[in-house]
Structure formats: C-alpha cells, structure tokens
Amino acid sequence: MLSARVSPLIYLHQLSESMKSIFFSFFLLLLVLPACAEQTDTRTNLLVIMTDQQRFDALSAAGNSVLETPNIDRIANEGVLFENAYTPVPVCAPARTSILSGQSIDNTGIDRNTPVYTPEAYRGGASFDMLLSEAGYKTGYYGKWHSPQELAARYDNTDDYPVTATSGNAGLGIGMSEFYRNYLDAAGVPGFKSADRYDLPEGQLVDTYSRRPYELNPMDKRFGLSMEEVGAMEKISQGDIPGTLQIDTAHSITVMEARGVLDAIDRFADEPFSLTVSFHYPHPPYTPAEPYASLYPPDEMPLPESISDDREQSPYKEANRNYESPRYSDPEKVRHFIATYYGLVKEIDDWVGKILDKLDEHGLAESTLVVFVSDHGEMLGSHGMTSKNIFYEESVRVPFLMRLPGAIAAGTRVDDPVSTRDIFPTVLDYLGQPPREGIDSESLRGVIDGAEERDFAI
C-alpha cells in the first residue's frame, strides 16, 4: 500500500499507460487553471457615465450647497475629481467625437453638430471602444449618441436597444427621440400631437421631444399665452420648453437609458466590458417629471452673480438669438430655470447610484474604471444667457471624475487644467492597452498620481 507521502509523479509509474495519460492531463489542468483565474480577475473593465449639458458646479462635490448629488460624489470621494476640466468645444457632436477619438476638432473634421450626419466628414481614427472591442472586450452604448456613425461599428448592443442616432438621418436607423416615443408607446403612456393642445388642461402643451403633455413654468416661452397666440408663434426650439412632464417618472428617458446599461452589466459581468450610458439630460427640453420637478423650490435658488451683465463688452452679445431674450436675466424666471435643471441632475444622480450598486452586486467595483463626464456646460442664467456654444466658464467647464480602486487614490483632487479629450489615452492606459500613436491627447495618469503638472488645456 502506498504511503500518503509518496509523490504523485512516483505514483504515476505504477499506473497503466491509459491511466497515466488521463492523470497527466488532469495534473496539467490543475497547473493551468490558477493562471487562467488570475488573468480573469485582473482584467479592468470600463464604465463611462456621460451627461449632456451639465455645468461644472452642478454637483455637490464641486461645492454646490443646494443640489445634492451623493452618488456622483461617491465617484469623486473614492477616486479623483478634476476641478478644472474643459471640453475642447462646447457643442455636443464635436465634444463627444473628441472624447471618443482623442483628437482635436481640426483632425476629426467634426466642428459642428451637422457633419456627423455626413459619413465622409469624419477624418479621425478609431474610438477607444473600437480598440477595446478588437482587444476582446464586450462593448455597449446606451442613450444619446450624436457622434459619427463610423464610431458605432463594433458595439454589442442587443437588437431591442441599438445604438441610436440623435437624428434619424445619421445613418444609424431610428433616432433617439423616436426610440423614446416608441418606448413610451410600449409602456402605454398616451401620446399627443401639437394640434391636441386644445384638448389639454389649461397650462399644458405638448413637449416636442417626447410628444407627451407638460405643464409650463414661467421660464417657458409660451407661458401665459392663449391657444391662439401659441398657434401664431414661430416654431420653438427644445430650449424653449421648461416645465413638468406629465408622465410617471418610472418612464422617464433617464430611466430608460439607465436600465439599458444595468442590463448590459448583468449580461457582461463575466467578461471584460466597456459600457457607456449617455444621459440625455440635463439637456433641453427641461422637463423633469414628478417628484423631481418640484424637488427644488424656485424661490430658494441662488442666482448667478453675473445675471445682470449687459454684455456690452462681450463678443457674445449677439452670438445667438436665445442670448438676447430678457428671460435669462429675469431673476424670477431664472430661479424656475435653475430649479428645473437641478431636478434633472438629481434624477440622474439617483440612477448613477443604482449603476454603481450594480457593479457592487457583481463584485466588479474594484476592477472597473468608472469615468463620469459631461460633453459641455450650460449658462443657466450666467451673464443673462442660456445654452452653450461660447467660451465662458459655465459653458466650457464640465464635471469630470474617475474611480479605479487600487490605481487611483481615493479623495484625489486635481486643480490643473485638463481636457476631456484626454479621456481616450487615459482609458487605454488604465486598461493596460497599447498607447495610440498620432493622437492629440495624453494620458492623465501622471497628473492623477502627482508626477506631472499641466498648466493649460485647449
């Protein structure tokens, strides 16, 4: 009888040839399995959370004393907050294209929103998601796209939630607004047309994005007008629509977008992934549903210090017809504007919490680089203006946070000026991918670690 101390290799000599073969194969498998498990455990995933038109100070981690964003703050508290982060251009499509490609607008060819609808306009290279897909990552994108269609070529979205164009003519099929309307239809939320305004209660009109009724607030361009006056007005823009959307908040566009990425985390939890949830809000139309619409009392909203700026010395005095409206220098109206805007951000924060909890649920928090960023800011009454498109701080400076436990020290604050264009090489750096040559950006890892300083951002 063999001693328990006899080596498995000595015991192997006493077996038949067939048994030797089986034993040896099993022995090799035992040697290989720990190595495989170790490789799987050390893969770093990527989760990008992007908002649209969120200004840099619209979160409590940046010092906002009214708006509470504990879940977004969690990313900063457990990672790094860039206190002076700037978009390369305060316009949706160019900013997003630069983030995805790491290139300047001069090299992407996307210097306005409209070129994304022309395939030959894009001159940049692959996106970081395309490179990660080639490296074996599962990739998914949920929410607002508004980037060149070429960059959406490798996403692993399911057929029931494809990458959607901002407009239906972007070569990606259905547009985001139509996709959302279909979602509301499937949920049984009644839709309306503009002509139905006569059948709605007084004070309500049809939101042109969702085609659902909303209750106007005093900032709305049509507030207080008769139906005849409303009918005689020229076509209004999304920015002219602030109020309370008359739907159950369980069917808001924020919920739809967040559920897309929550489902993707469940599907890809056992594989390396790169996922993006791109929230439509706080971009116009500014129409939160309850309870978010009433969460912040307008009369308690602090006004921008520059609200009364006459802009006589400003190059932006006549840059956009919206800037000339007296609504954005009217204290009462701007307070309603701020309260509505903060409600939209608060709803996003609640769902960011659910997304971070989903990573925790799967044990992925320690192995996932989380990036939170906005494409550009919002004037929100500063200098008596609205929207973006200009290079005032409120338009061009954005929230930018990152978290990767073990690689980024918790509570790090960087006050060097940085560009969101640097997200591309930073992602590749932290995910252990080869650097991309010939791009217009550099990894922020040295800045985060304190080994490097930046004194300007383009």
Protein backbone atom coordinates (compact mmCIF):
# COMPACT_ATOMS: atom_id res chain seq x y z
CA MET A 1 0.00 0.00 0.00
CA LEU A 2 1.31 3.43 -0.91
CA SER A 3 2.35 5.87 1.74
CA ALA A 4 0.38 9.11 1.80
CA ARG A 5 3.71 10.90 1.43
CA VAL A 6 4.52 9.35 -1.98
CA SER A 7 4.79 11.94 -4.76
CA PRO A 8 2.02 11.92 -7.42
CA LEU A 9 4.78 11.58 -10.04
CA ILE A 10 6.15 8.38 -8.35
CA TYR A 11 2.61 7.01 -8.14
CA LEU A 12 2.26 7.69 -11.87
CA HIS A 13 4.82 4.95 -12.66
CA GLN A 14 2.55 2.34 -11.09
CA LEU A 15 -0.40 3.14 -13.39
CA SER A 16 -1.33 1.77 -16.79
CA GLU A 17 -0.42 3.80 -19.88
CA SER A 18 -4.04 4.97 -20.39
CA MET A 19 -4.36 5.94 -16.75
CA LYS A 20 -1.03 7.74 -16.96
CA SER A 21 -2.36 9.82 -19.85
CA ILE A 22 -5.55 10.76 -18.01
CA PHE A 23 -3.70 11.56 -14.78
CA PHE A 24 -1.09 13.65 -16.52
CA SER A 25 -3.72 15.68 -18.41
CA PHE A 26 -5.54 16.34 -15.14
CA PHE A 27 -2.27 17.32 -13.44
CA LEU A 28 -1.52 19.86 -16.20
CA LEU A 29 -5.05 21.25 -15.94
CA LEU A 30 -4.54 21.89 -12.25
CA LEU A 31 -1.42 23.87 -13.07
CA VAL A 32 -3.12 25.94 -15.78
CA LEU A 33 -6.42 26.75 -14.04
CA PRO A 34 -4.99 29.09 -11.37
CA ALA A 35 -3.22 31.09 -14.06
CA CYS A 36 -6.44 31.44 -16.06
CA ALA A 37 -8.37 32.53 -12.99
CA GLU A 38 -5.71 35.07 -12.17
CA GLN A 39 -5.86 36.59 -15.66
CA THR A 40 -9.66 36.85 -15.46
CA ASP A 41 -9.53 38.53 -12.06
CA THR A 42 -7.06 41.19 -13.16
CA ARG A 43 -8.93 42.43 -16.21
CA THR A 44 -10.04 46.03 -15.89
CA ASN A 45 -13.47 46.98 -17.21
CA LEU A 46 -14.64 50.43 -18.28
CA LEU A 47 -17.88 52.23 -17.43
CA VAL A 48 -18.40 55.71 -18.86
CA ILE A 49 -21.29 57.79 -17.48
CA MET A 50 -21.86 60.87 -19.62
CA THR A 51 -24.39 63.64 -19.15
CA ASP A 52 -25.36 66.28 -21.67
CA GLN A 53 -25.04 69.99 -20.86
CA GLN A 54 -24.15 69.65 -17.18
CA ARG A 55 -22.14 72.59 -15.91
CA PHE A 56 -19.10 72.06 -13.69
CA ASP A 57 -20.74 73.29 -10.48
CA ALA A 58 -23.93 71.22 -10.81
CA LEU A 59 -22.87 68.66 -8.22
CA SER A 60 -22.31 68.89 -4.50
CA ALA A 61 -18.73 67.57 -4.73
CA ALA A 62 -17.91 70.78 -6.60
CA GLY A 63 -19.28 72.91 -3.76
CA ASN A 64 -22.93 73.29 -4.75
CA SER A 65 -24.80 73.87 -1.50
CA VAL A 66 -28.30 73.39 -2.94
CA LEU A 67 -28.03 70.45 -5.33
CA GLU A 68 -27.22 67.18 -3.55
CA THR A 69 -25.53 64.51 -5.67
CA PRO A 70 -24.24 61.88 -3.22
CA ASN A 71 -23.90 59.14 -5.84
CA ILE A 72 -21.88 61.16 -8.34
CA ASP A 73 -19.90 62.47 -5.35
CA ARG A 74 -19.14 58.87 -4.45
CA ILE A 75 -17.05 58.55 -7.62
CA ALA A 76 -15.06 61.62 -6.59
CA ASN A 77 -14.70 60.55 -2.97
CA GLU A 78 -13.47 57.10 -3.98
CA GLY A 79 -11.34 58.39 -6.86
CA VAL A 80 -10.37 61.69 -8.45
CA LEU A 81 -12.21 64.94 -9.15
CA PHE A 82 -10.75 67.23 -11.82
CA GLU A 83 -11.61 70.69 -10.58
CA ASN A 84 -10.71 72.45 -13.83
CA ALA A 85 -11.83 70.18 -16.65
CA TYR A 86 -12.68 71.68 -20.02
CA THR A 87 -14.40 70.47 -23.13
CA PRO A 88 -12.40 71.13 -26.33
CA VAL A 89 -15.54 72.71 -27.82
CA PRO A 90 -18.87 73.47 -26.10
CA VAL A 91 -21.05 71.84 -28.75
CA CYS A 92 -22.48 68.30 -28.47
CA ALA A 93 -21.22 66.38 -31.50
CA PRO A 94 -17.70 67.87 -31.73
CA ALA A 95 -17.14 67.41 -27.98
CA ARG A 96 -18.34 63.81 -27.99
CA THR A 97 -16.30 62.93 -31.07
CA SER A 98 -13.16 64.32 -29.44
CA ILE A 99 -13.81 62.27 -26.29
CA LEU A 100 -14.27 59.06 -28.28
CA SER A 101 -11.29 59.62 -30.59
CA GLY A 102 -8.79 61.63 -28.52
CA GLN A 103 -8.50 64.03 -31.46
CA SER A 104 -8.99 67.76 -31.89
CA ILE A 105 -11.90 69.04 -33.95
CA ASP A 106 -9.36 70.09 -36.61
CA ASN A 107 -8.42 66.44 -37.08
CA THR A 108 -11.83 64.83 -36.61
CA GLY A 109 -13.50 67.15 -39.12
CA ILE A 110 -16.46 67.43 -36.74
CA ASP A 111 -16.52 71.11 -35.78
CA ARG A 112 -20.33 71.48 -35.55
CA ASN A 113 -23.27 69.14 -34.96
CA THR A 114 -24.36 68.69 -38.57
CA PRO A 115 -21.22 66.97 -40.00
CA VAL A 116 -21.95 63.79 -38.01
CA TYR A 117 -24.79 63.19 -40.47
CA THR A 118 -22.32 63.10 -43.38
CA PRO A 119 -20.17 59.92 -43.21
CA GLU A 120 -17.31 61.31 -45.30
CA ALA A 121 -16.92 64.29 -42.95
CA TYR A 122 -15.18 62.26 -40.21
CA ARG A 123 -11.39 62.21 -40.57
CA GLY A 124 -10.38 60.85 -37.16
CA GLY A 125 -9.32 57.35 -36.19
CA ALA A 126 -10.88 54.54 -34.18
CA SER A 127 -12.62 55.23 -30.89
CA PHE A 128 -11.34 53.73 -27.64
CA ASP A 129 -14.38 51.43 -27.70
CA MET A 130 -13.41 50.13 -31.13
CA LEU A 131 -9.88 49.39 -29.93
CA LEU A 132 -11.19 47.66 -26.82
CA SER A 133 -13.57 45.59 -28.93
CA GLU A 134 -10.62 44.46 -31.04
CA ALA A 135 -8.85 43.50 -27.80
CA GLY A 136 -11.69 41.18 -26.83
CA TYR A 137 -13.88 43.49 -24.75
CA LYS A 138 -17.66 43.41 -24.96
CA THR A 139 -18.87 46.94 -25.72
CA GLY A 140 -22.21 48.65 -25.35
CA TYR A 141 -23.57 52.19 -25.68
CA TYR A 142 -26.92 53.34 -24.26
CA GLY A 143 -28.52 56.75 -24.61
CA LYS A 144 -27.62 59.79 -26.64
CA TRP A 145 -25.06 59.12 -29.39
CA HIS A 146 -24.60 62.29 -31.52
CA SER A 147 -21.24 61.19 -32.94
CA PRO A 148 -20.07 59.92 -36.35
CA GLN A 149 -21.76 56.67 -37.33
CA GLU A 150 -18.40 55.03 -38.13
CA LEU A 151 -17.55 55.04 -34.44
CA ALA A 152 -20.60 52.89 -33.62
CA ALA A 153 -19.42 49.96 -35.74
CA ARG A 154 -18.42 47.47 -33.03
CA TYR A 155 -20.96 47.77 -30.22
CA ASP A 156 -22.54 44.61 -28.83
CA ASN A 157 -25.94 46.14 -28.12
CA THR A 158 -28.96 43.89 -28.33
CA ASP A 159 -31.45 44.37 -31.17
CA ASP A 160 -34.07 45.77 -28.80
CA TYR A 161 -31.71 48.56 -27.67
CA PRO A 162 -29.46 49.55 -30.59
CA VAL A 163 -27.09 52.49 -30.71
CA THR A 164 -29.48 55.25 -31.70
CA ALA A 165 -28.74 58.36 -33.71
CA THR A 166 -29.66 61.72 -32.22
CA SER A 167 -31.46 62.29 -35.51
CA GLY A 168 -32.81 59.55 -37.76
CA ASN A 169 -30.70 60.73 -40.71
CA ALA A 170 -27.35 59.89 -39.07
CA GLY A 171 -27.07 56.50 -40.76
CA LEU A 172 -27.84 54.51 -37.60
CA GLY A 173 -31.51 53.98 -38.31
CA ILE A 174 -34.01 55.15 -35.71
CA GLY A 175 -33.41 58.48 -33.97
CA MET A 176 -33.25 58.79 -30.18
CA SER A 177 -36.47 60.81 -29.84
CA GLU A 178 -38.39 58.25 -31.92
CA PHE A 179 -36.84 55.42 -29.93
CA TYR A 180 -38.03 57.06 -26.72
CA ARG A 181 -41.52 57.68 -28.10
CA ASN A 182 -41.75 54.01 -29.06
CA TYR A 183 -40.65 53.11 -25.54
CA LEU A 184 -43.43 55.27 -24.10
CA ASP A 185 -45.95 53.78 -26.52
CA ALA A 186 -44.98 50.26 -25.44
CA ALA A 187 -45.41 51.34 -21.80
CA GLY A 188 -48.92 52.56 -22.58
CA VAL A 189 -48.17 56.25 -21.99
CA PRO A 190 -50.62 58.18 -24.24
CA GLY A 191 -49.01 60.32 -26.94
CA PHE A 192 -50.22 63.61 -28.40
CA LYS A 193 -49.67 65.91 -31.35
CA SER A 194 -49.28 69.68 -31.27
CA ALA A 195 -52.84 70.07 -32.51
CA ASP A 196 -54.05 68.28 -29.39
CA ARG A 197 -53.14 71.30 -27.27
CA TYR A 198 -56.78 72.39 -27.34
CA ASP A 199 -57.76 69.16 -25.59
CA LEU A 200 -55.21 69.50 -22.79
CA PRO A 201 -55.85 71.17 -19.43
CA GLU A 202 -55.07 74.87 -19.19
CA GLY A 203 -51.37 75.48 -18.68
CA GLN A 204 -50.29 72.34 -20.52
CA LEU A 205 -48.82 71.88 -24.00
CA VAL A 206 -47.16 69.06 -25.93
CA ASP A 207 -43.42 68.52 -25.45
CA THR A 208 -41.98 68.23 -28.97
CA TYR A 209 -39.36 65.65 -27.91
CA SER A 210 -41.49 63.03 -26.16
CA ARG A 211 -44.83 64.18 -27.62
CA ARG A 212 -46.32 63.97 -24.18
CA PRO A 213 -48.01 66.84 -22.29
CA TYR A 214 -46.06 69.01 -19.91
CA GLU A 215 -47.10 71.78 -17.54
CA LEU A 216 -45.39 75.06 -18.40
CA ASN A 217 -43.40 77.01 -15.84
CA PRO A 218 -42.73 80.78 -16.04
CA MET A 219 -39.48 80.29 -17.99
CA ASP A 220 -41.38 78.74 -20.90
CA LYS A 221 -41.58 81.00 -23.95
CA ARG A 222 -45.34 80.35 -24.25
CA PHE A 223 -46.21 80.69 -20.56
CA GLY A 224 -49.42 82.66 -20.04
CA LEU A 225 -50.32 82.89 -23.75
CA SER A 226 -53.69 81.96 -25.19
CA MET A 227 -54.04 78.98 -27.53
CA GLU A 228 -54.47 81.39 -30.42
CA GLU A 229 -51.24 83.19 -29.52
CA VAL A 230 -49.45 79.87 -29.17
CA GLY A 231 -50.68 78.79 -32.60
CA ALA A 232 -49.44 82.01 -34.21
CA MET A 233 -45.89 81.64 -32.84
CA GLU A 234 -42.96 80.51 -34.93
CA LYS A 235 -41.56 77.02 -34.36
CA ILE A 236 -39.90 76.82 -30.95
CA SER A 237 -36.65 75.08 -30.01
CA GLN A 238 -36.11 72.47 -27.30
CA GLY A 239 -34.58 75.16 -25.11
CA ASP A 240 -37.93 76.99 -25.08
CA ILE A 241 -39.62 74.07 -23.30
CA PRO A 242 -39.17 74.04 -19.50
CA GLY A 243 -41.82 72.53 -17.25
CA THR A 244 -43.17 69.34 -15.68
CA LEU A 245 -43.62 66.32 -17.95
CA GLN A 246 -46.97 64.70 -17.23
CA ILE A 247 -45.82 61.09 -17.09
CA ASP A 248 -44.90 58.62 -14.36
CA THR A 249 -41.21 59.19 -13.66
CA ALA A 250 -40.74 55.41 -14.00
CA HIS A 251 -40.95 56.03 -17.75
CA SER A 252 -38.58 58.99 -18.00
CA ILE A 253 -35.82 58.97 -20.60
CA THR A 254 -33.25 58.85 -17.78
CA VAL A 255 -34.77 55.60 -16.50
CA MET A 256 -34.81 54.10 -20.00
CA GLU A 257 -31.13 54.94 -20.54
CA ALA A 258 -30.02 53.69 -17.13
CA ARG A 259 -31.87 50.40 -17.49
CA GLY A 260 -30.03 49.79 -20.76
CA VAL A 261 -26.64 49.83 -19.08
CA LEU A 262 -27.88 47.96 -15.99
CA ASP A 263 -28.98 45.12 -18.25
CA ALA A 264 -25.63 45.21 -20.07
CA ILE A 265 -23.70 44.89 -16.79
CA ASP A 266 -25.75 41.80 -15.98
CA ARG A 267 -25.05 40.30 -19.43
CA PHE A 268 -21.32 41.02 -19.49
CA ALA A 269 -20.47 40.59 -15.81
CA ASP A 270 -18.26 37.57 -16.53
CA GLU A 271 -16.41 39.13 -19.49
CA PRO A 272 -14.25 42.22 -19.91
CA PHE A 273 -16.51 45.08 -20.94
CA SER A 274 -16.57 48.73 -21.95
CA LEU A 275 -20.00 50.24 -21.41
CA THR A 276 -21.31 53.77 -21.79
CA VAL A 277 -24.57 55.26 -20.56
CA SER A 278 -25.07 58.66 -22.17
CA PHE A 279 -27.87 60.52 -20.40
CA HIS A 280 -29.95 62.93 -22.46
CA TYR A 281 -30.45 65.26 -19.50
CA PRO A 282 -29.90 67.94 -18.25
CA HIS A 283 -30.05 68.95 -21.95
CA PRO A 284 -33.32 70.57 -23.09
CA PRO A 285 -36.21 70.17 -23.20
CA TYR A 286 -36.02 70.86 -19.47
CA THR A 287 -38.96 68.68 -18.48
CA PRO A 288 -38.46 66.51 -15.40
CA ALA A 289 -41.43 64.51 -14.16
CA GLU A 290 -42.50 64.47 -10.54
CA PRO A 291 -41.12 64.26 -7.90
CA TYR A 292 -38.01 65.80 -9.48
CA ALA A 293 -39.87 68.74 -11.00
CA SER A 294 -40.84 70.06 -7.55
CA LEU A 295 -37.81 68.93 -5.59
CA TYR A 296 -36.17 72.36 -5.50
CA PRO A 297 -38.34 75.40 -4.63
CA PRO A 298 -37.62 78.17 -7.17
CA ASP A 299 -37.63 80.94 -4.56
CA GLU A 300 -34.74 79.21 -2.77
CA MET A 301 -32.47 79.04 -5.81
CA PRO A 302 -29.38 81.29 -5.63
CA LEU A 303 -28.95 83.49 -8.69
CA PRO A 304 -25.75 83.74 -10.76
CA GLU A 305 -23.67 86.74 -9.76
CA SER A 306 -23.42 87.80 -13.41
CA ILE A 307 -27.13 87.55 -14.24
CA SER A 308 -27.40 91.31 -14.84
CA ASP A 309 -24.38 91.56 -17.16
CA ASP A 310 -25.35 93.82 -20.08
CA ARG A 311 -22.63 92.17 -22.21
CA GLU A 312 -21.70 95.48 -23.80
CA GLN A 313 -18.04 94.41 -23.76
CA SER A 314 -18.79 90.79 -24.62
CA PRO A 315 -18.00 89.19 -28.00
CA TYR A 316 -21.08 87.04 -27.42
CA LYS A 317 -23.64 89.84 -27.20
CA GLU A 318 -25.28 88.81 -30.47
CA ALA A 319 -23.85 85.34 -30.86
CA ASN A 320 -27.20 83.57 -30.59
CA ARG A 321 -30.77 84.86 -30.69
CA ASN A 322 -31.54 82.99 -27.46
CA TYR A 323 -28.95 85.05 -25.62
CA GLU A 324 -30.85 88.21 -26.40
CA SER A 325 -34.02 87.09 -24.60
CA PRO A 326 -34.71 89.06 -21.42
CA ARG A 327 -35.95 85.82 -19.82
CA TYR A 328 -32.41 84.80 -18.91
CA SER A 329 -31.73 87.95 -16.92
CA ASP A 330 -35.13 87.88 -15.18
CA PRO A 331 -34.48 86.71 -11.59
CA GLU A 332 -37.89 85.08 -11.11
CA LYS A 333 -37.73 83.16 -14.38
CA VAL A 334 -34.10 82.10 -13.90
CA ARG A 335 -34.90 80.71 -10.46
CA HIS A 336 -37.50 78.45 -12.10
CA PHE A 337 -34.91 77.52 -14.73
CA ILE A 338 -32.33 76.53 -12.10
CA ALA A 339 -34.87 74.54 -10.04
CA THR A 340 -35.95 72.57 -13.12
CA TYR A 341 -32.35 71.95 -14.20
CA TYR A 342 -31.34 70.74 -10.75
CA GLY A 343 -34.28 68.33 -10.73
CA LEU A 344 -32.97 66.72 -13.92
CA VAL A 345 -29.48 66.34 -12.44
CA LYS A 346 -30.89 64.89 -9.23
CA GLU A 347 -32.74 62.17 -11.13
CA ILE A 348 -29.52 61.24 -12.93
CA ASP A 349 -27.70 61.09 -9.59
CA ASP A 350 -30.26 58.63 -8.22
CA TRP A 351 -29.69 56.32 -11.19
CA VAL A 352 -25.92 56.68 -11.00
CA GLY A 353 -26.31 55.21 -7.53
CA LYS A 354 -28.19 52.21 -8.93
CA ILE A 355 -25.49 51.71 -11.58
CA LEU A 356 -22.69 51.79 -9.01
CA ASP A 357 -24.68 49.39 -6.85
CA LYS A 358 -24.97 47.03 -9.82
CA LEU A 359 -21.16 46.92 -10.07
CA ASP A 360 -21.04 46.13 -6.35
CA GLU A 361 -23.65 43.41 -6.78
CA HIS A 362 -21.42 41.60 -9.28
CA GLY A 363 -18.21 42.26 -7.35
CA LEU A 364 -16.91 44.48 -10.17
CA ALA A 365 -16.29 47.78 -8.38
CA GLU A 366 -12.62 47.01 -7.72
CA SER A 367 -11.94 46.03 -11.34
CA THR A 368 -13.90 48.72 -13.21
CA LEU A 369 -12.61 52.13 -14.23
CA VAL A 370 -15.58 54.50 -13.84
CA VAL A 371 -15.50 57.79 -15.75
CA PHE A 372 -18.13 60.47 -15.16
CA VAL A 373 -18.12 63.44 -17.52
CA SER A 374 -20.34 65.86 -19.42
CA ASP A 375 -19.85 66.94 -23.02
CA HIS A 376 -20.20 70.67 -22.22
CA GLY A 377 -21.83 73.04 -19.76
CA GLU A 378 -24.88 75.31 -19.56
CA MET A 379 -25.00 79.07 -18.96
CA LEU A 380 -28.15 78.74 -16.77
CA GLY A 381 -28.65 82.49 -16.47
CA SER A 382 -24.98 83.38 -16.02
CA HIS A 383 -24.30 86.62 -17.91
CA GLY A 384 -28.03 86.66 -18.66
CA MET A 385 -27.59 83.73 -21.08
CA THR A 386 -28.69 80.18 -21.72
CA SER A 387 -27.32 77.17 -23.60
CA LYS A 388 -23.63 76.73 -24.54
CA ASN A 389 -21.63 77.38 -27.77
CA ILE A 390 -19.42 80.04 -26.17
CA PHE A 391 -16.25 80.07 -24.09
CA TYR A 392 -17.47 81.40 -20.79
CA GLU A 393 -16.61 79.09 -17.87
CA GLU A 394 -20.20 77.99 -17.38
CA SER A 395 -20.38 76.76 -20.97
CA VAL A 396 -16.96 75.16 -21.40
CA ARG A 397 -16.06 73.82 -17.96
CA VAL A 398 -17.51 70.42 -17.04
CA PRO A 399 -17.70 67.85 -14.24
CA PHE A 400 -15.06 65.15 -14.74
CA LEU A 401 -14.44 62.34 -12.22
CA MET A 402 -12.76 58.93 -12.32
CA ARG A 403 -12.60 55.94 -9.99
CA LEU A 404 -10.44 52.81 -10.04
CA PRO A 405 -9.70 51.41 -6.56
CA GLY A 406 -6.07 50.44 -6.09
CA ALA A 407 -4.90 52.54 -9.03
CA ILE A 408 -6.43 55.95 -8.23
CA ALA A 409 -6.16 57.12 -4.64
CA ALA A 410 -9.50 57.91 -3.00
CA GLY A 411 -10.23 61.61 -2.49
CA THR A 412 -7.71 62.84 -5.08
CA ARG A 413 -8.28 66.40 -6.28
CA VAL A 414 -6.57 67.77 -9.39
CA ASP A 415 -6.71 71.51 -9.93
CA ASP A 416 -4.51 71.51 -13.06
CA PRO A 417 -6.48 72.39 -16.21
CA VAL A 418 -7.26 69.24 -18.19
CA SER A 419 -9.20 68.45 -21.35
CA THR A 420 -11.89 65.81 -21.77
CA ARG A 421 -10.06 64.94 -24.99
CA ASP A 422 -7.54 63.17 -22.72
CA ILE A 423 -10.11 60.53 -21.71
CA PHE A 424 -9.15 58.39 -24.74
CA PRO A 425 -5.46 57.81 -23.86
CA THR A 426 -6.23 57.69 -20.12
CA VAL A 427 -8.69 54.84 -20.62
CA LEU A 428 -6.18 52.85 -22.68
CA ASP A 429 -3.50 53.49 -20.06
CA TYR A 430 -5.51 52.24 -17.07
CA LEU A 431 -6.86 49.26 -19.02
CA GLY A 432 -3.35 48.15 -19.96
CA GLN A 433 -3.81 48.70 -23.69
CA PRO A 434 -1.05 49.91 -26.05
CA PRO A 435 -0.98 53.71 -26.42
CA ARG A 436 -2.38 55.10 -29.65
CA GLU A 437 0.17 56.96 -31.75
CA GLY A 438 -0.58 60.23 -33.54
CA ILE A 439 -3.47 61.48 -31.42
CA ASP A 440 -3.91 64.98 -29.96
CA SER A 441 -4.12 63.94 -26.31
CA GLU A 442 -2.13 62.43 -23.45
CA SER A 443 -2.93 60.13 -20.55
CA LEU A 444 -3.83 61.88 -17.31
CA ARG A 445 -2.32 59.14 -15.15
CA GLY A 446 0.77 61.15 -14.27
CA VAL A 447 -1.40 64.15 -13.35
CA ILE A 448 -3.60 61.98 -11.14
CA ASP A 449 -0.57 60.43 -9.40
CA GLY A 450 1.02 63.85 -8.85
CA ALA A 451 4.05 63.05 -11.00
CA GLU A 452 3.13 65.51 -13.74
CA GLU A 453 1.70 69.01 -13.95
CA ARG A 454 -0.47 70.64 -16.59
CA ASP A 455 -0.65 74.41 -16.90
CA PHE A 456 -3.07 74.75 -19.80
CA ALA A 457 -5.87 72.94 -21.64
CA ILE A 458 -7.02 73.64 -25.17
